[in-house]
Amino acid sequence: MDKKNNLPEKEVEVTELRTDDFEDYYEMMRDEQLAKKTGFEPVNDEKKAHMLFESENDTNKTYAIRLINSGKLIGIINLFPEIGDNFEPDYENIELGYFINTSYQQHGYMTYALGYVVDNLKAPIKTVEATVEEHNVPSQKVLHTLDFTQVDEYDENLVFEREVK
């Protein structure tokens, strides 16, 4: 990719998830390679995928990463509160989940989109945490690029954290 002419911010945008994004969402959910990299099981049942899609904004905030020129959904970023004392949501400390269609990996799109989302977080959020599998080096690279620091390690997972400015 010619980095001078094809900057991620000219190719992708971060938006709300739309109801017409389901087909692109389902494409990602049933991708075995993507599932393996991100630690979830592929979803080949369209009904189950539709239930997951419908619940995306129920308990968390979901952002869509989409191509500007076509509007195609190519990735998802989820923010959800950590579980605090008394099992209540902790809205000051949020967790982050994300994935991108395998056809669009290694283009800087996730780094750009995740940076955009995290840089625009506001109070009451104080910290953002992300957990990645230790073998998922590309995801670790994204987090390091965005100034996340590794703070913990357990069961072949690495935990990263970043303060919200």
N, C-alpha and C. Protein backbone atom coordinates (compact mmCIF):
# COMPACT_ATOMS: atom_id res chain seq x y z
N MET A 1 0.84 -1.18 0.00
CA MET A 1 0.00 0.00 0.00
C MET A 1 0.88 1.24 0.00
N ASP A 2 0.57 2.18 -0.84
CA ASP A 2 1.28 3.44 -0.89
C ASP A 2 0.76 4.31 0.25
N LYS A 3 1.53 4.40 1.33
CA LYS A 3 1.09 5.10 2.53
C LYS A 3 0.84 6.59 2.28
N LYS A 4 1.52 7.20 1.29
CA LYS A 4 1.34 8.63 1.06
C LYS A 4 -0.01 8.95 0.46
N ASN A 5 -0.48 8.11 -0.44
CA ASN A 5 -1.75 8.40 -1.13
C ASN A 5 -2.94 7.67 -0.54
N ASN A 6 -2.71 6.55 0.13
CA ASN A 6 -3.81 5.73 0.66
C ASN A 6 -3.79 5.71 2.18
N LEU A 7 -4.01 6.85 2.79
CA LEU A 7 -4.04 6.91 4.23
C LEU A 7 -5.34 6.30 4.73
N PRO A 8 -5.29 5.55 5.84
CA PRO A 8 -6.51 4.93 6.36
C PRO A 8 -7.66 5.92 6.54
N GLU A 9 -7.36 7.13 7.01
CA GLU A 9 -8.44 8.10 7.24
C GLU A 9 -9.12 8.57 5.95
N LYS A 10 -8.51 8.29 4.81
CA LYS A 10 -9.14 8.61 3.53
C LYS A 10 -9.92 7.42 2.98
N GLU A 11 -9.74 6.25 3.60
CA GLU A 11 -10.36 5.03 3.09
C GLU A 11 -11.45 4.45 3.99
N VAL A 12 -11.33 4.68 5.30
CA VAL A 12 -12.33 4.13 6.23
C VAL A 12 -12.86 5.22 7.15
N GLU A 13 -14.05 4.95 7.68
CA GLU A 13 -14.65 5.85 8.66
C GLU A 13 -15.26 5.03 9.79
N VAL A 14 -15.42 5.68 10.92
CA VAL A 14 -16.04 5.06 12.08
C VAL A 14 -17.43 5.65 12.22
N THR A 15 -18.44 4.76 12.24
CA THR A 15 -19.83 5.21 12.29
C THR A 15 -20.60 4.34 13.28
N GLU A 16 -21.88 4.60 13.35
CA GLU A 16 -22.79 3.73 14.09
C GLU A 16 -23.01 2.46 13.27
N LEU A 17 -23.34 1.38 13.94
CA LEU A 17 -23.72 0.15 13.26
C LEU A 17 -25.15 0.32 12.75
N ARG A 18 -25.40 -0.06 11.50
CA ARG A 18 -26.72 0.11 10.88
C ARG A 18 -27.38 -1.24 10.65
N THR A 19 -28.69 -1.25 10.57
CA THR A 19 -29.41 -2.50 10.35
C THR A 19 -29.03 -3.15 9.01
N ASP A 20 -28.67 -2.34 8.02
CA ASP A 20 -28.30 -2.91 6.72
C ASP A 20 -26.87 -3.45 6.68
N ASP A 21 -26.19 -3.47 7.83
CA ASP A 21 -24.82 -4.01 7.92
C ASP A 21 -24.80 -5.52 8.17
N PHE A 22 -25.97 -6.15 8.30
CA PHE A 22 -25.98 -7.55 8.72
C PHE A 22 -25.20 -8.47 7.81
N GLU A 23 -25.34 -8.37 6.51
CA GLU A 23 -24.65 -9.30 5.61
C GLU A 23 -23.13 -9.22 5.78
N ASP A 24 -22.59 -8.01 5.90
CA ASP A 24 -21.15 -7.85 6.12
C ASP A 24 -20.75 -8.37 7.49
N TYR A 25 -21.58 -8.15 8.49
CA TYR A 25 -21.35 -8.66 9.84
C TYR A 25 -21.31 -10.19 9.83
N TYR A 26 -22.29 -10.79 9.18
CA TYR A 26 -22.37 -12.25 9.11
C TYR A 26 -21.16 -12.83 8.38
N GLU A 27 -20.69 -12.15 7.37
CA GLU A 27 -19.48 -12.59 6.65
C GLU A 27 -18.31 -12.69 7.62
N MET A 28 -18.16 -11.70 8.49
CA MET A 28 -17.06 -11.72 9.45
C MET A 28 -17.28 -12.77 10.53
N MET A 29 -18.51 -12.93 11.00
CA MET A 29 -18.80 -13.85 12.09
C MET A 29 -18.57 -15.31 11.70
N ARG A 30 -18.73 -15.64 10.43
CA ARG A 30 -18.53 -17.03 10.03
C ARG A 30 -17.12 -17.30 9.47
N ASP A 31 -16.26 -16.32 9.49
CA ASP A 31 -14.89 -16.44 9.00
C ASP A 31 -14.04 -17.18 10.04
N GLU A 32 -13.65 -18.42 9.73
CA GLU A 32 -12.89 -19.24 10.68
C GLU A 32 -11.54 -18.64 11.01
N GLN A 33 -10.88 -18.04 10.04
CA GLN A 33 -9.56 -17.43 10.28
C GLN A 33 -9.71 -16.25 11.24
N LEU A 34 -10.71 -15.42 11.04
CA LEU A 34 -10.95 -14.28 11.92
C LEU A 34 -11.30 -14.76 13.32
N ALA A 35 -12.15 -15.76 13.41
CA ALA A 35 -12.55 -16.30 14.71
C ALA A 35 -11.33 -16.81 15.47
N LYS A 36 -10.46 -17.51 14.79
CA LYS A 36 -9.28 -18.06 15.44
C LYS A 36 -8.38 -16.95 15.98
N LYS A 37 -8.20 -15.88 15.19
CA LYS A 37 -7.35 -14.77 15.61
C LYS A 37 -7.92 -14.00 16.78
N THR A 38 -9.24 -13.92 16.86
CA THR A 38 -9.86 -13.09 17.88
C THR A 38 -10.42 -13.87 19.06
N GLY A 39 -10.33 -15.19 19.01
CA GLY A 39 -10.72 -15.99 20.15
C GLY A 39 -12.19 -16.30 20.29
N PHE A 40 -12.95 -16.21 19.20
CA PHE A 40 -14.35 -16.64 19.29
C PHE A 40 -14.61 -17.77 18.31
N GLU A 41 -15.70 -18.46 18.50
CA GLU A 41 -16.09 -19.54 17.62
C GLU A 41 -16.82 -18.97 16.40
N PRO A 42 -16.54 -19.46 15.20
CA PRO A 42 -17.28 -18.97 14.04
C PRO A 42 -18.78 -19.23 14.20
N VAL A 43 -19.59 -18.34 13.68
CA VAL A 43 -21.04 -18.47 13.77
C VAL A 43 -21.57 -18.74 12.36
N ASN A 44 -21.92 -19.99 12.10
CA ASN A 44 -22.41 -20.37 10.77
C ASN A 44 -23.93 -20.43 10.69
N ASP A 45 -24.58 -20.26 11.81
CA ASP A 45 -26.03 -20.26 11.87
C ASP A 45 -26.51 -18.81 11.70
N GLU A 46 -27.19 -18.53 10.60
CA GLU A 46 -27.61 -17.16 10.31
C GLU A 46 -28.56 -16.61 11.38
N LYS A 47 -29.41 -17.46 11.92
CA LYS A 47 -30.33 -17.01 12.98
C LYS A 47 -29.56 -16.56 14.22
N LYS A 48 -28.57 -17.37 14.61
CA LYS A 48 -27.75 -17.01 15.77
C LYS A 48 -26.96 -15.74 15.50
N ALA A 49 -26.41 -15.62 14.30
CA ALA A 49 -25.67 -14.41 13.93
C ALA A 49 -26.58 -13.19 13.99
N HIS A 50 -27.83 -13.36 13.56
CA HIS A 50 -28.78 -12.24 13.59
C HIS A 50 -29.08 -11.83 15.04
N MET A 51 -29.21 -12.81 15.93
CA MET A 51 -29.43 -12.50 17.35
C MET A 51 -28.24 -11.72 17.92
N LEU A 52 -27.03 -12.15 17.59
CA LEU A 52 -25.83 -11.45 18.05
C LEU A 52 -25.79 -10.02 17.49
N PHE A 53 -26.12 -9.90 16.22
CA PHE A 53 -26.12 -8.59 15.56
C PHE A 53 -27.13 -7.66 16.23
N GLU A 54 -28.32 -8.17 16.50
CA GLU A 54 -29.36 -7.36 17.13
C GLU A 54 -28.98 -6.93 18.54
N SER A 55 -28.15 -7.72 19.21
CA SER A 55 -27.78 -7.40 20.59
C SER A 55 -26.53 -6.52 20.69
N GLU A 56 -25.92 -6.17 19.57
CA GLU A 56 -24.65 -5.44 19.60
C GLU A 56 -24.69 -4.18 20.48
N ASN A 57 -25.77 -3.42 20.45
CA ASN A 57 -25.82 -2.19 21.23
C ASN A 57 -26.67 -2.30 22.49
N ASP A 58 -27.05 -3.52 22.88
CA ASP A 58 -27.86 -3.68 24.08
C ASP A 58 -27.08 -3.40 25.36
N THR A 59 -25.92 -4.00 25.50
CA THR A 59 -25.16 -3.86 26.74
C THR A 59 -23.84 -3.14 26.54
N ASN A 60 -23.56 -2.72 25.34
CA ASN A 60 -22.30 -2.06 25.06
C ASN A 60 -22.50 -1.06 23.92
N LYS A 61 -21.48 -0.30 23.65
CA LYS A 61 -21.49 0.64 22.54
C LYS A 61 -20.71 0.01 21.40
N THR A 62 -21.33 -0.11 20.24
CA THR A 62 -20.69 -0.72 19.09
C THR A 62 -20.45 0.32 18.01
N TYR A 63 -19.23 0.35 17.51
CA TYR A 63 -18.87 1.22 16.40
C TYR A 63 -18.61 0.35 15.17
N ALA A 64 -18.95 0.88 14.03
CA ALA A 64 -18.71 0.20 12.76
C ALA A 64 -17.50 0.84 12.08
N ILE A 65 -16.64 0.00 11.53
CA ILE A 65 -15.55 0.48 10.68
C ILE A 65 -15.99 0.15 9.27
N ARG A 66 -16.09 1.16 8.42
CA ARG A 66 -16.59 0.91 7.07
C ARG A 66 -15.75 1.64 6.03
N LEU A 67 -15.75 1.07 4.83
CA LEU A 67 -15.07 1.71 3.71
C LEU A 67 -15.86 2.94 3.30
N ILE A 68 -15.18 4.03 3.10
CA ILE A 68 -15.85 5.28 2.73
C ILE A 68 -16.48 5.16 1.35
N ASN A 69 -15.75 4.58 0.40
CA ASN A 69 -16.24 4.56 -0.99
C ASN A 69 -17.46 3.69 -1.21
N SER A 70 -17.60 2.59 -0.46
CA SER A 70 -18.73 1.68 -0.69
C SER A 70 -19.69 1.57 0.49
N GLY A 71 -19.26 1.98 1.66
CA GLY A 71 -20.08 1.84 2.86
C GLY A 71 -20.01 0.45 3.47
N LYS A 72 -19.21 -0.44 2.90
CA LYS A 72 -19.10 -1.82 3.39
C LYS A 72 -18.57 -1.84 4.81
N LEU A 73 -19.25 -2.61 5.68
CA LEU A 73 -18.79 -2.85 7.04
C LEU A 73 -17.61 -3.81 6.98
N ILE A 74 -16.45 -3.38 7.54
CA ILE A 74 -15.27 -4.25 7.51
C ILE A 74 -14.74 -4.56 8.91
N GLY A 75 -15.31 -3.93 9.93
CA GLY A 75 -14.83 -4.18 11.28
C GLY A 75 -15.78 -3.66 12.33
N ILE A 76 -15.56 -4.12 13.55
CA ILE A 76 -16.39 -3.77 14.70
C ILE A 76 -15.48 -3.38 15.87
N ILE A 77 -15.89 -2.35 16.60
CA ILE A 77 -15.25 -1.98 17.86
C ILE A 77 -16.34 -1.93 18.91
N ASN A 78 -16.17 -2.69 20.00
CA ASN A 78 -17.14 -2.70 21.10
C ASN A 78 -16.51 -2.10 22.35
N LEU A 79 -17.28 -1.28 23.03
CA LEU A 79 -16.90 -0.74 24.33
C LEU A 79 -17.96 -1.19 25.33
N PHE A 80 -17.52 -1.71 26.46
CA PHE A 80 -18.49 -2.11 27.48
C PHE A 80 -17.88 -1.91 28.85
N PRO A 81 -18.72 -1.57 29.83
CA PRO A 81 -18.18 -1.30 31.17
C PRO A 81 -17.63 -2.57 31.82
N GLU A 82 -16.55 -2.39 32.58
CA GLU A 82 -16.05 -3.50 33.38
C GLU A 82 -17.06 -3.81 34.48
N ILE A 83 -16.97 -4.98 35.04
CA ILE A 83 -17.83 -5.34 36.16
C ILE A 83 -17.12 -4.90 37.44
N GLY A 84 -17.77 -4.05 38.19
CA GLY A 84 -17.17 -3.50 39.40
C GLY A 84 -17.68 -4.16 40.66
N ASP A 85 -17.59 -3.41 41.76
CA ASP A 85 -18.08 -3.89 43.05
C ASP A 85 -19.55 -4.26 42.96
N ASN A 86 -19.92 -5.28 43.69
CA ASN A 86 -21.31 -5.77 43.72
C ASN A 86 -21.82 -6.14 42.33
N PHE A 87 -20.90 -6.46 41.43
CA PHE A 87 -21.25 -6.86 40.07
C PHE A 87 -22.01 -5.78 39.30
N GLU A 88 -21.79 -4.53 39.69
CA GLU A 88 -22.40 -3.40 39.00
C GLU A 88 -21.47 -2.94 37.88
N PRO A 89 -22.03 -2.41 36.79
CA PRO A 89 -21.16 -1.89 35.71
C PRO A 89 -20.32 -0.72 36.22
N ASP A 90 -19.06 -0.71 35.84
CA ASP A 90 -18.13 0.37 36.19
C ASP A 90 -17.91 1.22 34.94
N TYR A 91 -18.62 2.33 34.86
CA TYR A 91 -18.58 3.16 33.65
C TYR A 91 -17.33 4.03 33.56
N GLU A 92 -16.50 4.03 34.60
CA GLU A 92 -15.22 4.76 34.54
C GLU A 92 -14.13 3.91 33.90
N ASN A 93 -14.30 2.60 33.95
CA ASN A 93 -13.30 1.67 33.43
C ASN A 93 -14.00 0.77 32.43
N ILE A 94 -13.63 0.93 31.17
CA ILE A 94 -14.31 0.17 30.13
C ILE A 94 -13.37 -0.82 29.48
N GLU A 95 -13.98 -1.85 28.92
CA GLU A 95 -13.23 -2.85 28.18
C GLU A 95 -13.51 -2.66 26.70
N LEU A 96 -12.57 -3.13 25.93
CA LEU A 96 -12.58 -2.93 24.50
C LEU A 96 -12.52 -4.28 23.80
N GLY A 97 -13.33 -4.45 22.78
CA GLY A 97 -13.25 -5.62 21.93
C GLY A 97 -13.28 -5.14 20.48
N TYR A 98 -12.57 -5.83 19.61
CA TYR A 98 -12.53 -5.36 18.22
C TYR A 98 -12.10 -6.49 17.30
N PHE A 99 -12.54 -6.39 16.05
CA PHE A 99 -12.08 -7.30 15.01
C PHE A 99 -12.33 -6.65 13.65
N ILE A 100 -11.57 -7.15 12.67
CA ILE A 100 -11.69 -6.61 11.32
C ILE A 100 -11.65 -7.77 10.32
N ASN A 101 -12.41 -7.64 9.28
CA ASN A 101 -12.49 -8.63 8.21
C ASN A 101 -11.07 -8.98 7.76
N THR A 102 -10.78 -10.27 7.62
CA THR A 102 -9.42 -10.70 7.27
C THR A 102 -8.93 -10.10 5.95
N SER A 103 -9.82 -9.80 5.04
CA SER A 103 -9.43 -9.21 3.76
C SER A 103 -8.91 -7.78 3.90
N TYR A 104 -9.17 -7.16 5.07
CA TYR A 104 -8.79 -5.76 5.26
C TYR A 104 -7.78 -5.58 6.39
N GLN A 105 -7.18 -6.68 6.84
CA GLN A 105 -6.16 -6.58 7.87
C GLN A 105 -4.84 -6.13 7.25
N GLN A 106 -3.97 -5.60 8.11
CA GLN A 106 -2.64 -5.16 7.71
C GLN A 106 -2.65 -3.95 6.77
N HIS A 107 -3.70 -3.12 6.88
CA HIS A 107 -3.78 -1.89 6.10
C HIS A 107 -3.76 -0.64 6.99
N GLY A 108 -3.70 -0.83 8.30
CA GLY A 108 -3.73 0.30 9.23
C GLY A 108 -5.13 0.75 9.58
N TYR A 109 -6.14 0.06 9.07
CA TYR A 109 -7.52 0.48 9.31
C TYR A 109 -7.91 0.36 10.78
N MET A 110 -7.56 -0.74 11.43
CA MET A 110 -7.93 -0.91 12.83
C MET A 110 -7.19 0.09 13.71
N THR A 111 -5.91 0.29 13.45
CA THR A 111 -5.15 1.26 14.24
C THR A 111 -5.80 2.63 14.14
N TYR A 112 -6.14 3.05 12.94
CA TYR A 112 -6.79 4.34 12.75
C TYR A 112 -8.13 4.40 13.48
N ALA A 113 -9.00 3.39 13.25
CA ALA A 113 -10.35 3.41 13.81
C ALA A 113 -10.33 3.33 15.34
N LEU A 114 -9.51 2.44 15.89
CA LEU A 114 -9.43 2.30 17.33
C LEU A 114 -8.87 3.57 17.96
N GLY A 115 -7.87 4.16 17.32
CA GLY A 115 -7.32 5.42 17.81
C GLY A 115 -8.37 6.52 17.81
N TYR A 116 -9.17 6.57 16.77
CA TYR A 116 -10.24 7.56 16.67
C TYR A 116 -11.23 7.39 17.83
N VAL A 117 -11.67 6.16 18.06
CA VAL A 117 -12.65 5.90 19.13
C VAL A 117 -12.06 6.24 20.50
N VAL A 118 -10.88 5.72 20.81
CA VAL A 118 -10.29 5.92 22.13
C VAL A 118 -9.96 7.39 22.36
N ASP A 119 -9.47 8.07 21.34
CA ASP A 119 -9.13 9.49 21.48
C ASP A 119 -10.35 10.37 21.70
N ASN A 120 -11.53 9.88 21.37
CA ASN A 120 -12.75 10.68 21.52
C ASN A 120 -13.62 10.25 22.71
N LEU A 121 -13.08 9.41 23.58
CA LEU A 121 -13.82 9.03 24.78
C LEU A 121 -13.84 10.19 25.76
N LYS A 122 -14.93 10.30 26.50
CA LYS A 122 -15.12 11.41 27.43
C LYS A 122 -15.45 10.86 28.82
N ALA A 123 -15.43 11.77 29.81
CA ALA A 123 -15.82 11.43 31.17
C ALA A 123 -17.23 10.84 31.13
N PRO A 124 -17.51 9.90 31.95
CA PRO A 124 -16.78 9.51 33.16
C PRO A 124 -15.67 8.48 32.93
N ILE A 125 -15.42 8.11 31.66
CA ILE A 125 -14.43 7.07 31.38
C ILE A 125 -13.03 7.56 31.76
N LYS A 126 -12.33 6.72 32.54
CA LYS A 126 -10.97 7.04 32.97
C LYS A 126 -9.93 6.11 32.35
N THR A 127 -10.28 4.82 32.21
CA THR A 127 -9.33 3.87 31.62
C THR A 127 -10.03 2.94 30.64
N VAL A 128 -9.24 2.50 29.67
CA VAL A 128 -9.71 1.54 28.67
C VAL A 128 -8.79 0.33 28.77
N GLU A 129 -9.39 -0.86 28.76
CA GLU A 129 -8.63 -2.10 28.88
C GLU A 129 -8.95 -3.01 27.70
N ALA A 130 -7.94 -3.70 27.21
CA ALA A 130 -8.13 -4.67 26.13
C ALA A 130 -7.36 -5.93 26.47
N THR A 131 -7.98 -7.07 26.23
CA THR A 131 -7.33 -8.36 26.46
C THR A 131 -7.17 -9.05 25.11
N VAL A 132 -5.94 -9.50 24.83
CA VAL A 132 -5.67 -10.19 23.57
C VAL A 132 -4.92 -11.49 23.87
N GLU A 133 -5.10 -12.46 23.00
CA GLU A 133 -4.37 -13.70 23.16
C GLU A 133 -2.89 -13.45 22.86
N GLU A 134 -2.02 -14.12 23.60
CA GLU A 134 -0.58 -13.84 23.49
C GLU A 134 -0.02 -14.12 22.09
N HIS A 135 -0.66 -14.99 21.32
CA HIS A 135 -0.17 -15.27 19.97
C HIS A 135 -0.69 -14.26 18.94
N ASN A 136 -1.57 -13.36 19.33
CA ASN A 136 -2.13 -12.38 18.40
C ASN A 136 -1.24 -11.13 18.36
N VAL A 137 -0.10 -11.28 17.74
CA VAL A 137 0.91 -10.21 17.68
C VAL A 137 0.39 -8.97 16.92
N PRO A 138 -0.34 -9.12 15.80
CA PRO A 138 -0.84 -7.91 15.14
C PRO A 138 -1.73 -7.05 16.04
N SER A 139 -2.57 -7.67 16.85
CA SER A 139 -3.42 -6.91 17.76
C SER A 139 -2.59 -6.22 18.85
N GLN A 140 -1.58 -6.91 19.33
CA GLN A 140 -0.69 -6.30 20.32
C GLN A 140 0.01 -5.08 19.72
N LYS A 141 0.40 -5.18 18.47
CA LYS A 141 1.06 -4.07 17.78
C LYS A 141 0.13 -2.86 17.69
N VAL A 142 -1.14 -3.12 17.38
CA VAL A 142 -2.12 -2.02 17.32
C VAL A 142 -2.19 -1.32 18.67
N LEU A 143 -2.30 -2.09 19.74
CA LEU A 143 -2.41 -1.49 21.07
C LEU A 143 -1.16 -0.73 21.46
N HIS A 144 0.02 -1.28 21.18
CA HIS A 144 1.27 -0.56 21.47
C HIS A 144 1.34 0.75 20.70
N THR A 145 0.94 0.72 19.43
CA THR A 145 0.95 1.93 18.60
C THR A 145 0.05 3.01 19.20
N LEU A 146 -1.03 2.59 19.86
CA LEU A 146 -1.99 3.53 20.44
C LEU A 146 -1.70 3.83 21.92
N ASP A 147 -0.48 3.56 22.36
CA ASP A 147 -0.01 3.89 23.71
C ASP A 147 -0.69 3.10 24.83
N PHE A 148 -1.14 1.89 24.53
CA PHE A 148 -1.62 1.01 25.58
C PHE A 148 -0.39 0.34 26.21
N THR A 149 -0.48 0.04 27.48
CA THR A 149 0.60 -0.61 28.21
C THR A 149 0.12 -1.95 28.74
N GLN A 150 0.95 -2.97 28.61
CA GLN A 150 0.58 -4.27 29.16
C GLN A 150 0.62 -4.19 30.67
N VAL A 151 -0.49 -4.61 31.32
CA VAL A 151 -0.59 -4.53 32.78
C VAL A 151 -0.79 -5.88 33.45
N ASP A 152 -1.09 -6.92 32.68
CA ASP A 152 -1.35 -8.23 33.27
C ASP A 152 -1.20 -9.32 32.21
N GLU A 153 -1.14 -10.56 32.70
CA GLU A 153 -1.06 -11.73 31.82
C GLU A 153 -1.70 -12.89 32.55
N TYR A 154 -2.57 -13.63 31.85
CA TYR A 154 -3.19 -14.81 32.45
C TYR A 154 -3.66 -15.75 31.35
N ASP A 155 -3.58 -17.04 31.59
CA ASP A 155 -4.10 -18.07 30.68
C ASP A 155 -3.83 -17.78 29.20
N GLU A 156 -2.60 -17.45 28.86
CA GLU A 156 -2.20 -17.15 27.48
C GLU A 156 -2.87 -15.90 26.91
N ASN A 157 -3.31 -15.00 27.81
CA ASN A 157 -3.87 -13.71 27.42
C ASN A 157 -3.03 -12.59 27.99
N LEU A 158 -2.96 -11.50 27.27
CA LEU A 158 -2.27 -10.31 27.73
C LEU A 158 -3.30 -9.20 27.90
N VAL A 159 -3.19 -8.45 29.00
CA VAL A 159 -4.12 -7.37 29.29
C VAL A 159 -3.38 -6.05 29.12
N PHE A 160 -3.97 -5.16 28.34
CA PHE A 160 -3.40 -3.84 28.07
C PHE A 160 -4.35 -2.78 28.60
N GLU A 161 -3.78 -1.62 28.95
CA GLU A 161 -4.59 -0.55 29.51
C GLU A 161 -4.07 0.80 29.00
N ARG A 162 -4.99 1.76 28.92
CA ARG A 162 -4.63 3.12 28.55
C ARG A 162 -5.53 4.07 29.31
N GLU A 163 -4.92 5.13 29.85
CA GLU A 163 -5.68 6.18 30.52
C GLU A 163 -6.38 7.03 29.45
N VAL A 164 -7.58 7.50 29.77
CA VAL A 164 -8.30 8.40 28.86
C VAL A 164 -7.91 9.82 29.21
N LYS A 165 -7.58 10.59 28.19
CA LYS A 165 -7.12 11.98 28.41
C LYS A 165 -8.26 12.95 28.39
